[in-house]
Amino acid sequence: MADTPNTKTKAQETLDRLPESANWDDVMYELYVREAIDAGMADVAAGRTLTHAEVRARLQERLRRAS
């Protein structure tokens, strides 16, 4: 995947978008969000998704078992 930026490059891009006043909490939050989005996009690309109806059915089943 030569066209895909590596982790260090993505982290640097994220840091570059932060304001100069950013603190460590801001940095960690932004890096966490970036990683979570990347993981979600990888799931979509790999077909690891559910339809709205499938999610609804799973939630209803959990609620039924919990009551």
C-alpha atoms as a PDB file:
ATOM      1  CA  MET A   1       0.000   0.000   0.000  1.00  0.00           C
ATOM      2  CA  ALA A   2       2.449   2.628  -1.156  1.00  0.00           C
ATOM      3  CA  ASP A   3      -0.298   5.250  -1.546  1.00  0.00           C
ATOM      4  CA  THR A   4      -1.507   4.857   2.051  1.00  0.00           C
ATOM      5  CA  PRO A   5       0.235   7.160   4.534  1.00  0.00           C
ATOM      6  CA  ASN A   6       1.957   5.347   7.375  1.00  0.00           C
ATOM      7  CA  THR A   7       1.073   5.843  11.028  1.00  0.00           C
ATOM      8  CA  LYS A   8       3.818   8.410  11.661  1.00  0.00           C
ATOM      9  CA  THR A   9       2.714  10.477   8.661  1.00  0.00           C
ATOM     10  CA  LYS A  10      -0.939  10.343   9.763  1.00  0.00           C
ATOM     11  CA  ALA A  11       0.030  11.347  13.298  1.00  0.00           C
ATOM     12  CA  GLN A  12       2.069  14.278  12.000  1.00  0.00           C
ATOM     13  CA  GLU A  13      -0.815  15.439   9.803  1.00  0.00           C
ATOM     14  CA  THR A  14      -3.121  15.280  12.813  1.00  0.00           C
ATOM     15  CA  LEU A  15      -0.664  17.253  14.970  1.00  0.00           C
ATOM     16  CA  ASP A  16      -0.223  19.866  12.260  1.00  0.00           C
ATOM     17  CA  ARG A  17      -3.982  20.551  12.284  1.00  0.00           C
ATOM     18  CA  LEU A  18      -4.072  21.245  16.027  1.00  0.00           C
ATOM     19  CA  PRO A  19      -3.815  24.818  17.301  1.00  0.00           C
ATOM     20  CA  GLU A  20      -0.645  25.928  19.060  1.00  0.00           C
ATOM     21  CA  SER A  21      -2.627  26.039  22.304  1.00  0.00           C
ATOM     22  CA  ALA A  22      -3.364  22.275  22.179  1.00  0.00           C
ATOM     23  CA  ASN A  23      -2.460  20.314  25.296  1.00  0.00           C
ATOM     24  CA  TRP A  24      -1.629  16.613  25.729  1.00  0.00           C
ATOM     25  CA  ASP A  25      -5.292  15.727  26.242  1.00  0.00           C
ATOM     26  CA  ASP A  26      -6.132  17.380  22.917  1.00  0.00           C
ATOM     27  CA  VAL A  27      -3.323  15.502  21.179  1.00  0.00           C
ATOM     28  CA  MET A  28      -4.320  12.128  22.612  1.00  0.00           C
ATOM     29  CA  TYR A  29      -7.993  12.665  21.814  1.00  0.00           C
ATOM     30  CA  GLU A  30      -7.306  13.615  18.195  1.00  0.00           C
ATOM     31  CA  LEU A  31      -4.968  10.648  17.690  1.00  0.00           C
ATOM     32  CA  TYR A  32      -7.540   8.307  19.258  1.00  0.00           C
ATOM     33  CA  VAL A  33     -10.308   9.617  17.004  1.00  0.00           C
ATOM     34  CA  ARG A  34      -8.096   9.307  13.919  1.00  0.00           C
ATOM     35  CA  GLU A  35      -7.254   5.698  14.800  1.00  0.00           C
ATOM     36  CA  ALA A  36     -10.915   4.842  15.458  1.00  0.00           C
ATOM     37  CA  ILE A  37     -11.971   6.317  12.108  1.00  0.00           C
ATOM     38  CA  ASP A  38      -9.199   4.447  10.294  1.00  0.00           C
ATOM     39  CA  ALA A  39     -10.261   1.189  11.974  1.00  0.00           C
ATOM     40  CA  GLY A  40     -13.872   1.791  10.962  1.00  0.00           C
ATOM     41  CA  MET A  41     -12.893   2.519   7.384  1.00  0.00           C
ATOM     42  CA  ALA A  42     -10.860  -0.702   7.300  1.00  0.00           C
ATOM     43  CA  ASP A  43     -13.909  -2.602   8.536  1.00  0.00           C
ATOM     44  CA  VAL A  44     -16.027  -1.092   5.762  1.00  0.00           C
ATOM     45  CA  ALA A  45     -13.404  -1.940   3.140  1.00  0.00           C
ATOM     46  CA  ALA A  46     -13.277  -5.543   4.429  1.00  0.00           C
ATOM     47  CA  GLY A  47     -17.060  -5.872   4.423  1.00  0.00           C
ATOM     48  CA  ARG A  48     -17.346  -6.082   8.216  1.00  0.00           C
ATOM     49  CA  THR A  49     -20.531  -4.052   8.436  1.00  0.00           C
ATOM     50  CA  LEU A  50     -24.151  -4.552   9.456  1.00  0.00           C
ATOM     51  CA  THR A  51     -27.306  -3.098   8.003  1.00  0.00           C
ATOM     52  CA  HIS A  52     -29.550  -0.920  10.140  1.00  0.00           C
ATOM     53  CA  ALA A  53     -32.062  -3.772  10.305  1.00  0.00           C
ATOM     54  CA  GLU A  54     -29.388  -6.216  11.534  1.00  0.00           C
ATOM     55  CA  VAL A  55     -28.271  -3.831  14.281  1.00  0.00           C
ATOM     56  CA  ARG A  56     -31.869  -3.216  15.313  1.00  0.00           C
ATOM     57  CA  ALA A  57     -32.565  -6.973  15.488  1.00  0.00           C
ATOM     58  CA  ARG A  58     -29.455  -7.572  17.596  1.00  0.00           C
ATOM     59  CA  LEU A  59     -30.358  -4.795  20.010  1.00  0.00           C
ATOM     60  CA  GLN A  60     -33.936  -6.009  20.320  1.00  0.00           C
ATOM     61  CA  GLU A  61     -32.667  -9.516  21.075  1.00  0.00           C
ATOM     62  CA  ARG A  62     -30.344  -8.211  23.791  1.00  0.00           C
ATOM     63  CA  LEU A  63     -33.144  -6.178  25.330  1.00  0.00           C
ATOM     64  CA  ARG A  64     -35.461  -9.196  25.217  1.00  0.00           C
ATOM     65  CA  ARG A  65     -32.876 -11.358  27.019  1.00  0.00           C
ATOM     66  CA  ALA A  66     -32.172  -8.652  29.603  1.00  0.00           C
ATOM     67  CA  SER A  67     -35.795  -8.264  30.682  1.00  0.00           C
END
